[in-house]
Amino acid sequence: MDIKINYCSVWNYKPRAAGLADNIKEKFGTSPELIAGSNGVYDIIVDGKTIFSKHKTNRFPDNNEILEMLKGWKQN
Protein backbone atom coordinates (compact mmCIF):
# COMPACT_ATOMS: atom_id res chain seq x y z
CA MET A 1 0.00 0.00 0.00
CA ASP A 2 1.61 3.24 -1.22
CA ILE A 3 0.26 6.20 0.79
CA LYS A 4 0.96 9.87 0.16
CA ILE A 5 -0.26 12.85 2.16
CA ASN A 6 -0.17 16.04 0.13
CA TYR A 7 -0.40 19.00 2.52
CA CYS A 8 -0.22 22.79 2.26
CA SER A 9 3.06 24.09 3.63
CA VAL A 10 1.91 27.71 3.27
CA TRP A 11 -0.91 27.16 5.80
CA ASN A 12 1.33 24.92 7.96
CA TYR A 13 -0.71 21.71 7.62
CA LYS A 14 2.48 19.68 8.14
CA PRO A 15 1.84 18.94 11.86
CA ARG A 16 -1.63 17.59 10.96
CA ALA A 17 -0.19 15.50 8.12
CA ALA A 18 2.64 14.20 10.31
CA GLY A 19 0.15 13.19 13.02
CA LEU A 20 -1.90 11.24 10.50
CA ALA A 21 1.27 9.65 9.11
CA ASP A 22 2.22 8.52 12.64
CA ASN A 23 -1.26 7.00 13.14
CA ILE A 24 -1.00 5.16 9.81
CA LYS A 25 2.48 3.84 10.61
CA GLU A 26 1.34 2.64 14.03
CA LYS A 27 -1.77 0.90 12.67
CA PHE A 28 -0.50 -0.48 9.34
CA GLY A 29 3.30 -0.51 9.65
CA THR A 30 3.80 1.64 6.57
CA SER A 31 5.17 5.18 6.50
CA PRO A 32 3.26 7.55 4.22
CA GLU A 33 5.21 9.98 2.09
CA LEU A 34 4.58 13.61 3.08
CA ILE A 35 4.46 15.95 0.09
CA ALA A 36 4.53 19.71 0.61
CA GLY A 37 2.15 21.68 -1.58
CA SER A 38 0.26 24.96 -1.57
CA ASN A 39 -3.21 26.46 -2.10
CA GLY A 40 -4.68 24.83 1.02
CA VAL A 41 -4.26 21.30 -0.30
CA TYR A 42 -4.75 18.33 2.02
CA ASP A 43 -5.14 15.11 0.04
CA ILE A 44 -4.70 11.48 1.01
CA ILE A 45 -3.60 9.34 -1.92
CA VAL A 46 -3.42 5.54 -1.81
CA ASP A 47 -1.92 3.53 -4.66
CA GLY A 48 -2.36 6.53 -6.96
CA LYS A 49 -6.04 7.12 -6.07
CA THR A 50 -7.17 10.13 -4.02
CA ILE A 51 -9.30 8.79 -1.17
CA PHE A 52 -9.78 12.14 0.55
CA SER A 53 -9.53 15.72 -0.66
CA LYS A 54 -10.05 18.75 1.54
CA HIS A 55 -10.91 20.81 -1.54
CA LYS A 56 -13.77 18.44 -2.47
CA THR A 57 -15.18 18.09 1.05
CA ASN A 58 -14.40 21.58 2.42
CA ARG A 59 -13.14 20.03 5.65
CA PHE A 60 -10.25 18.14 7.17
CA PRO A 61 -10.69 14.42 7.76
CA ASP A 62 -10.72 12.90 11.21
CA ASN A 63 -7.68 10.62 11.50
CA ASN A 64 -9.93 7.68 12.46
CA GLU A 65 -11.96 8.27 9.30
CA ILE A 66 -8.82 7.82 7.19
CA LEU A 67 -7.72 4.78 9.19
CA GLU A 68 -11.11 3.14 8.52
CA MET A 69 -10.80 3.90 4.80
CA LEU A 70 -7.33 2.35 4.78
CA LYS A 71 -8.54 -0.70 6.69
CA GLY A 72 -11.11 -1.32 3.95
CA TRP A 73 -8.51 -0.61 1.25
CA LYS A 74 -6.09 -3.14 2.73
CA GLN A 75 -8.76 -5.86 2.84
CA ASN A 76 -9.43 -5.51 -0.90
C-alpha atoms as a PDB file:
ATOM      1  CA  MET A   1       0.000   0.000   0.000  1.00  0.00           C
ATOM      2  CA  ASP A   2       1.606   3.239  -1.219  1.00  0.00           C
ATOM      3  CA  ILE A   3       0.263   6.205   0.785  1.00  0.00           C
ATOM      4  CA  LYS A   4       0.965   9.870   0.160  1.00  0.00           C
ATOM      5  CA  ILE A   5      -0.264  12.846   2.160  1.00  0.00           C
ATOM      6  CA  ASN A   6      -0.169  16.039   0.131  1.00  0.00           C
ATOM      7  CA  TYR A   7      -0.400  19.004   2.522  1.00  0.00           C
ATOM      8  CA  CYS A   8      -0.222  22.787   2.260  1.00  0.00           C
ATOM      9  CA  SER A   9       3.064  24.094   3.626  1.00  0.00           C
ATOM     10  CA  VAL A  10       1.907  27.709   3.274  1.00  0.00           C
ATOM     11  CA  TRP A  11      -0.914  27.155   5.797  1.00  0.00           C
ATOM     12  CA  ASN A  12       1.330  24.923   7.959  1.00  0.00           C
ATOM     13  CA  TYR A  13      -0.706  21.711   7.618  1.00  0.00           C
ATOM     14  CA  LYS A  14       2.484  19.682   8.138  1.00  0.00           C
ATOM     15  CA  PRO A  15       1.837  18.935  11.855  1.00  0.00           C
ATOM     16  CA  ARG A  16      -1.629  17.592  10.962  1.00  0.00           C
ATOM     17  CA  ALA A  17      -0.186  15.504   8.116  1.00  0.00           C
ATOM     18  CA  ALA A  18       2.638  14.201  10.308  1.00  0.00           C
ATOM     19  CA  GLY A  19       0.152  13.188  13.022  1.00  0.00           C
ATOM     20  CA  LEU A  20      -1.902  11.240  10.500  1.00  0.00           C
ATOM     21  CA  ALA A  21       1.270   9.651   9.110  1.00  0.00           C
ATOM     22  CA  ASP A  22       2.219   8.519  12.640  1.00  0.00           C
ATOM     23  CA  ASN A  23      -1.256   6.999  13.141  1.00  0.00           C
ATOM     24  CA  ILE A  24      -0.997   5.159   9.814  1.00  0.00           C
ATOM     25  CA  LYS A  25       2.481   3.841  10.612  1.00  0.00           C
ATOM     26  CA  GLU A  26       1.339   2.638  14.030  1.00  0.00           C
ATOM     27  CA  LYS A  27      -1.772   0.900  12.672  1.00  0.00           C
ATOM     28  CA  PHE A  28      -0.500  -0.481   9.343  1.00  0.00           C
ATOM     29  CA  GLY A  29       3.299  -0.506   9.650  1.00  0.00           C
ATOM     30  CA  THR A  30       3.796   1.644   6.575  1.00  0.00           C
ATOM     31  CA  SER A  31       5.173   5.175   6.502  1.00  0.00           C
ATOM     32  CA  PRO A  32       3.264   7.549   4.224  1.00  0.00           C
ATOM     33  CA  GLU A  33       5.213   9.978   2.091  1.00  0.00           C
ATOM     34  CA  LEU A  34       4.579  13.606   3.076  1.00  0.00           C
ATOM     35  CA  ILE A  35       4.460  15.954   0.093  1.00  0.00           C
ATOM     36  CA  ALA A  36       4.530  19.711   0.612  1.00  0.00           C
ATOM     37  CA  GLY A  37       2.148  21.683  -1.577  1.00  0.00           C
ATOM     38  CA  SER A  38       0.255  24.962  -1.566  1.00  0.00           C
ATOM     39  CA  ASN A  39      -3.212  26.462  -2.097  1.00  0.00           C
ATOM     40  CA  GLY A  40      -4.685  24.831   1.020  1.00  0.00           C
ATOM     41  CA  VAL A  41      -4.259  21.302  -0.296  1.00  0.00           C
ATOM     42  CA  TYR A  42      -4.749  18.327   2.025  1.00  0.00           C
ATOM     43  CA  ASP A  43      -5.140  15.112   0.038  1.00  0.00           C
ATOM     44  CA  ILE A  44      -4.702  11.481   1.013  1.00  0.00           C
ATOM     45  CA  ILE A  45      -3.602   9.337  -1.922  1.00  0.00           C
ATOM     46  CA  VAL A  46      -3.424   5.542  -1.815  1.00  0.00           C
ATOM     47  CA  ASP A  47      -1.919   3.529  -4.657  1.00  0.00           C
ATOM     48  CA  GLY A  48      -2.362   6.525  -6.961  1.00  0.00           C
ATOM     49  CA  LYS A  49      -6.040   7.124  -6.070  1.00  0.00           C
ATOM     50  CA  THR A  50      -7.175  10.128  -4.023  1.00  0.00           C
ATOM     51  CA  ILE A  51      -9.303   8.787  -1.168  1.00  0.00           C
ATOM     52  CA  PHE A  52      -9.779  12.139   0.554  1.00  0.00           C
ATOM     53  CA  SER A  53      -9.532  15.719  -0.665  1.00  0.00           C
ATOM     54  CA  LYS A  54     -10.049  18.754   1.545  1.00  0.00           C
ATOM     55  CA  HIS A  55     -10.915  20.806  -1.539  1.00  0.00           C
ATOM     56  CA  LYS A  56     -13.765  18.442  -2.473  1.00  0.00           C
ATOM     57  CA  THR A  57     -15.180  18.085   1.049  1.00  0.00           C
ATOM     58  CA  ASN A  58     -14.404  21.581   2.417  1.00  0.00           C
ATOM     59  CA  ARG A  59     -13.139  20.028   5.650  1.00  0.00           C
ATOM     60  CA  PHE A  60     -10.246  18.140   7.170  1.00  0.00           C
ATOM     61  CA  PRO A  61     -10.692  14.425   7.759  1.00  0.00           C
ATOM     62  CA  ASP A  62     -10.717  12.899  11.205  1.00  0.00           C
ATOM     63  CA  ASN A  63      -7.685  10.618  11.495  1.00  0.00           C
ATOM     64  CA  ASN A  64      -9.928   7.681  12.456  1.00  0.00           C
ATOM     65  CA  GLU A  65     -11.961   8.274   9.295  1.00  0.00           C
ATOM     66  CA  ILE A  66      -8.823   7.823   7.191  1.00  0.00           C
ATOM     67  CA  LEU A  67      -7.720   4.778   9.194  1.00  0.00           C
ATOM     68  CA  GLU A  68     -11.107   3.141   8.524  1.00  0.00           C
ATOM     69  CA  MET A  69     -10.800   3.898   4.800  1.00  0.00           C
ATOM     70  CA  LEU A  70      -7.333   2.352   4.781  1.00  0.00           C
ATOM     71  CA  LYS A  71      -8.538  -0.704   6.691  1.00  0.00           C
ATOM     72  CA  GLY A  72     -11.110  -1.324   3.947  1.00  0.00           C
ATOM     73  CA  TRP A  73      -8.513  -0.610   1.252  1.00  0.00           C
ATOM     74  CA  LYS A  74      -6.088  -3.145   2.727  1.00  0.00           C
ATOM     75  CA  GLN A  75      -8.756  -5.856   2.837  1.00  0.00           C
ATOM     76  CA  ASN A  76      -9.432  -5.514  -0.905  1.00  0.00           C
END
